[in-house]
Amino acid sequence: MILVFIFCAIVIIITLLICMIILSTLKIKISNLEASNITNVKEKSLKNPNKKTQVNISFCLFNYIKWFSLKLDEKKFNKMYEKIKLGKIDLKKLEQDFKLRDLLQLKKLKAEIEYLNLELKIGTEDVILTSFIVAVISTLISIILPYLIKRYQKDKYYYKILPLYNNNAYEIKFDCIINIKLVHIINILYYQFKKGRKKNDGKRTSNRRSYGYSYE
């Protein structure tokens, strides 16, 4: 009888976990992200301690009930950066492993932008090139954004792309909230796992001798 209760409890827990995964959303909130290579802008940003970059990662049931949350600030980012050994990354291998079809798989994430506040200033010493870059970025955002918005509200979506002429410089201010359903993330991870298994199976097959089962 006790074993039956234990079994039922395990089944209930597993069922609840599956339901939570199916009904949960990954919410990524980026606040006060500022970056620039312009000296006076950098100094102004450093003098304003109230505007520190923060990234909040949370899992929300029905997109509202938060059941897990993680906050990353600049100090944690720096610690993470120190632990990552970029010199050991094999870029050639990465290029071979990552194909265009993998990039197309990202569409299956069906990410949704809940809030966007973007101000980007960018420039080069070439006036024509600067104008071209600004036009391309603005056009790309205007094309992609409607696919990432569930319901448009004017006060929640704002972006401005401005040129900085005769100067190799950039300045960005960025706030954003992105929602991705956990089910879609699991689908992408499963695709990558399956792709890795196929690749390993292919290597094993190619290493076999062609005459291994022949008879003389």
Protein backbone atom coordinates (compact mmCIF):
# COMPACT_ATOMS: atom_id res chain seq x y z
CA MET A 1 0.00 0.00 0.00
CA ILE A 2 2.83 2.37 0.88
CA LEU A 3 4.50 1.63 -2.48
CA VAL A 4 1.25 2.56 -4.25
CA PHE A 5 1.13 5.91 -2.43
CA ILE A 6 4.80 6.60 -3.27
CA PHE A 7 4.20 5.70 -6.91
CA CYS A 8 1.12 7.96 -7.06
CA ALA A 9 3.06 10.81 -5.42
CA ILE A 10 5.89 10.46 -7.97
CA VAL A 11 3.38 10.44 -10.85
CA ILE A 12 1.65 13.56 -9.47
CA ILE A 13 4.98 15.40 -9.02
CA ILE A 14 6.14 14.50 -12.54
CA THR A 15 2.76 15.56 -13.97
CA LEU A 16 2.94 18.89 -12.12
CA LEU A 17 6.49 19.50 -13.38
CA ILE A 18 5.45 18.76 -16.97
CA CYS A 19 2.45 21.09 -16.65
CA MET A 20 4.68 23.83 -15.19
CA ILE A 21 7.11 23.48 -18.10
CA ILE A 22 4.32 23.55 -20.70
CA LEU A 23 2.62 26.57 -19.11
CA SER A 24 5.75 28.52 -18.11
CA THR A 25 7.54 31.36 -19.88
CA LEU A 26 11.15 32.50 -19.69
CA LYS A 27 11.15 36.24 -19.11
CA ILE A 28 14.37 38.20 -19.71
CA LYS A 29 14.35 41.82 -18.56
CA ILE A 30 17.30 44.03 -19.54
CA SER A 31 17.44 47.40 -17.76
CA ASN A 32 19.71 50.42 -18.22
CA LEU A 33 22.07 48.83 -20.72
CA GLU A 34 24.38 51.61 -21.87
CA ALA A 35 27.52 51.33 -23.98
CA SER A 36 29.62 53.87 -25.85
CA ASN A 37 33.15 54.56 -27.07
CA ILE A 38 32.64 58.32 -26.73
CA THR A 39 34.73 59.63 -23.80
CA ASN A 40 32.32 62.23 -22.38
CA VAL A 41 29.40 59.78 -22.56
CA LYS A 42 31.45 57.14 -20.70
CA GLU A 43 32.37 59.60 -17.95
CA LYS A 44 28.75 60.73 -17.58
CA SER A 45 27.62 57.11 -17.28
CA LEU A 46 30.23 56.35 -14.61
CA LYS A 47 29.14 59.38 -12.58
CA ASN A 48 25.55 58.13 -12.47
CA PRO A 49 25.52 55.12 -10.07
CA ASN A 50 21.72 54.88 -10.14
CA LYS A 51 21.76 53.72 -13.76
CA LYS A 52 23.47 50.34 -13.52
CA THR A 53 22.86 47.59 -16.01
CA GLN A 54 20.73 44.74 -14.69
CA VAL A 55 19.42 41.56 -16.26
CA ASN A 56 16.54 39.74 -14.56
CA ILE A 57 15.87 36.17 -15.68
CA SER A 58 12.71 34.59 -14.39
CA PHE A 59 10.34 31.69 -15.05
CA CYS A 60 6.68 32.65 -14.87
CA LEU A 61 3.63 30.42 -14.83
CA PHE A 62 0.99 31.74 -17.25
CA ASN A 63 3.48 34.58 -17.87
CA TYR A 64 2.48 36.19 -14.53
CA ILE A 65 3.19 33.92 -11.53
CA LYS A 66 6.94 33.99 -10.90
CA TRP A 67 8.34 30.73 -9.51
CA PHE A 68 12.05 31.26 -10.13
CA SER A 69 14.12 34.41 -10.51
CA LEU A 70 17.78 35.28 -11.03
CA LYS A 71 19.24 38.79 -11.04
CA LEU A 72 22.53 39.62 -12.77
CA ASP A 73 24.31 42.92 -12.23
CA GLU A 74 27.61 44.31 -13.54
CA LYS A 75 29.68 42.55 -10.85
CA LYS A 76 28.20 39.15 -11.71
CA PHE A 77 28.72 39.81 -15.41
CA ASN A 78 32.40 40.56 -14.78
CA LYS A 79 32.80 37.36 -12.75
CA MET A 80 31.17 35.33 -15.51
CA TYR A 81 33.41 36.99 -18.11
CA GLU A 82 36.53 36.12 -16.10
CA LYS A 83 35.50 32.46 -15.91
CA ILE A 84 34.94 32.18 -19.67
CA LYS A 85 38.21 31.33 -21.41
CA LEU A 86 37.66 32.86 -24.83
CA GLY A 87 41.14 31.88 -26.01
CA LYS A 88 40.19 28.21 -25.90
CA ILE A 89 37.20 28.57 -28.22
CA ASP A 90 37.89 26.94 -31.58
CA LEU A 91 36.31 29.38 -34.04
CA LYS A 92 36.86 27.07 -37.04
CA LYS A 93 35.08 24.21 -35.29
CA LEU A 94 32.31 26.58 -34.23
CA GLU A 95 31.86 27.69 -37.84
CA GLN A 96 31.67 24.07 -39.01
CA ASP A 97 29.16 23.08 -36.34
CA PHE A 98 26.91 26.13 -36.71
CA LYS A 99 25.10 26.21 -40.06
CA LEU A 100 22.49 28.53 -41.59
CA ARG A 101 19.74 26.00 -40.88
CA ASP A 102 20.61 26.25 -37.17
CA LEU A 103 20.01 30.01 -37.35
CA LEU A 104 16.65 29.39 -39.01
CA GLN A 105 15.74 27.13 -36.10
CA LEU A 106 15.74 30.20 -33.85
CA LYS A 107 12.44 31.21 -35.49
CA LYS A 108 10.89 28.26 -33.68
CA LEU A 109 11.61 29.96 -30.37
CA LYS A 110 8.72 32.33 -31.18
CA ALA A 111 10.22 35.00 -28.94
CA GLU A 112 7.96 37.90 -27.98
CA ILE A 113 9.14 41.41 -27.15
CA GLU A 114 6.94 42.77 -24.38
CA TYR A 115 8.78 46.09 -24.04
CA LEU A 116 11.45 47.89 -26.08
CA ASN A 117 13.26 51.17 -25.56
CA LEU A 118 16.24 51.49 -27.90
CA GLU A 119 18.31 54.53 -28.78
CA LEU A 120 21.32 53.91 -31.00
CA LYS A 121 23.77 56.46 -32.36
CA ILE A 122 26.35 55.14 -34.77
CA GLY A 123 28.81 56.69 -37.17
CA THR A 124 31.88 56.28 -39.36
CA GLU A 125 34.26 58.71 -41.01
CA ASP A 126 32.43 58.07 -44.28
CA VAL A 127 29.19 60.09 -44.43
CA ILE A 128 27.62 57.90 -47.12
CA LEU A 129 28.47 54.68 -45.26
CA THR A 130 27.04 56.10 -42.02
CA SER A 131 23.77 57.00 -43.73
CA PHE A 132 23.61 53.52 -45.28
CA ILE A 133 24.22 51.74 -41.95
CA VAL A 134 21.55 53.83 -40.17
CA ALA A 135 19.03 53.15 -42.95
CA VAL A 136 19.73 49.40 -42.96
CA ILE A 137 19.43 49.05 -39.15
CA SER A 138 16.20 51.09 -39.08
CA THR A 139 14.71 49.06 -41.91
CA LEU A 140 15.64 45.72 -40.33
CA ILE A 141 14.10 46.69 -37.00
CA SER A 142 10.89 47.90 -38.69
CA ILE A 143 10.63 44.59 -40.61
CA ILE A 144 11.47 42.21 -37.74
CA LEU A 145 9.68 43.97 -34.86
CA PRO A 146 6.06 43.26 -35.98
CA TYR A 147 6.83 39.51 -35.92
CA LEU A 148 8.03 39.78 -32.30
CA ILE A 149 5.10 41.80 -30.95
CA LYS A 150 1.90 40.11 -29.85
CA ARG A 151 -0.11 43.28 -29.35
CA TYR A 152 1.24 46.71 -30.29
CA GLN A 153 1.02 49.49 -27.72
CA LYS A 154 2.63 52.79 -28.63
CA ASP A 155 3.98 53.55 -25.13
CA LYS A 156 5.73 50.14 -24.89
CA TYR A 157 7.76 50.18 -28.11
CA TYR A 158 10.21 52.89 -29.01
CA TYR A 159 13.41 52.95 -31.04
CA LYS A 160 15.52 55.68 -32.58
CA ILE A 161 18.57 55.17 -34.82
CA LEU A 162 20.64 58.32 -35.31
CA PRO A 163 23.83 59.00 -37.33
CA LEU A 164 27.10 60.34 -35.95
CA TYR A 165 28.85 61.85 -38.95
CA ASN A 166 32.62 62.07 -39.48
CA ASN A 167 33.36 60.00 -36.41
CA ASN A 168 33.94 56.28 -35.75
CA ALA A 169 31.71 56.14 -32.73
CA TYR A 170 28.67 54.49 -31.22
CA GLU A 171 26.34 55.04 -28.29
CA ILE A 172 23.54 52.71 -27.25
CA LYS A 173 20.84 52.86 -24.59
CA PHE A 174 18.71 49.77 -24.32
CA ASP A 175 15.83 48.47 -22.19
CA CYS A 176 13.90 45.40 -23.16
CA ILE A 177 11.63 42.58 -21.93
CA ILE A 178 11.67 39.33 -23.91
CA ASN A 179 9.33 36.37 -23.36
CA ILE A 180 10.01 32.84 -24.64
CA LYS A 181 7.89 29.80 -23.82
CA LEU A 182 9.87 26.96 -22.23
CA VAL A 183 8.32 24.42 -24.60
CA HIS A 184 9.91 26.18 -27.59
CA ILE A 185 13.31 26.29 -25.85
CA ILE A 186 13.11 22.55 -25.15
CA ASN A 187 12.27 21.90 -28.83
CA ILE A 188 15.42 23.77 -29.92
CA LEU A 189 17.58 21.95 -27.36
CA TYR A 190 16.16 18.61 -28.54
CA TYR A 191 16.97 19.53 -32.15
CA GLN A 192 20.59 20.34 -31.21
CA PHE A 193 20.86 17.11 -29.19
CA LYS A 194 19.49 15.05 -32.08
CA LYS A 195 21.85 16.81 -34.51
CA GLY A 196 24.83 16.03 -32.25
CA ARG A 197 23.86 12.33 -32.06
CA LYS A 198 23.52 12.07 -35.84
CA LYS A 199 26.92 13.68 -36.29
CA ASN A 200 28.55 11.26 -33.83
CA ASP A 201 26.83 8.25 -35.47
CA GLY A 202 28.09 9.45 -38.85
CA LYS A 203 31.65 9.64 -37.55
CA ARG A 204 31.46 6.11 -36.14
CA THR A 205 30.11 4.78 -39.45
CA SER A 206 32.83 6.49 -41.51
CA ASN A 207 35.55 5.07 -39.25
CA ARG A 208 34.50 1.48 -39.89
CA ARG A 209 36.53 -0.56 -42.36
CA SER A 210 34.76 -1.28 -45.64
CA TYR A 211 36.08 -4.85 -45.67
CA GLY A 212 35.13 -5.60 -42.07
CA TYR A 213 32.43 -8.11 -43.04
CA SER A 214 33.97 -9.44 -46.27
CA TYR A 215 35.12 -12.99 -46.72
CA GLU A 216 38.22 -14.19 -48.56
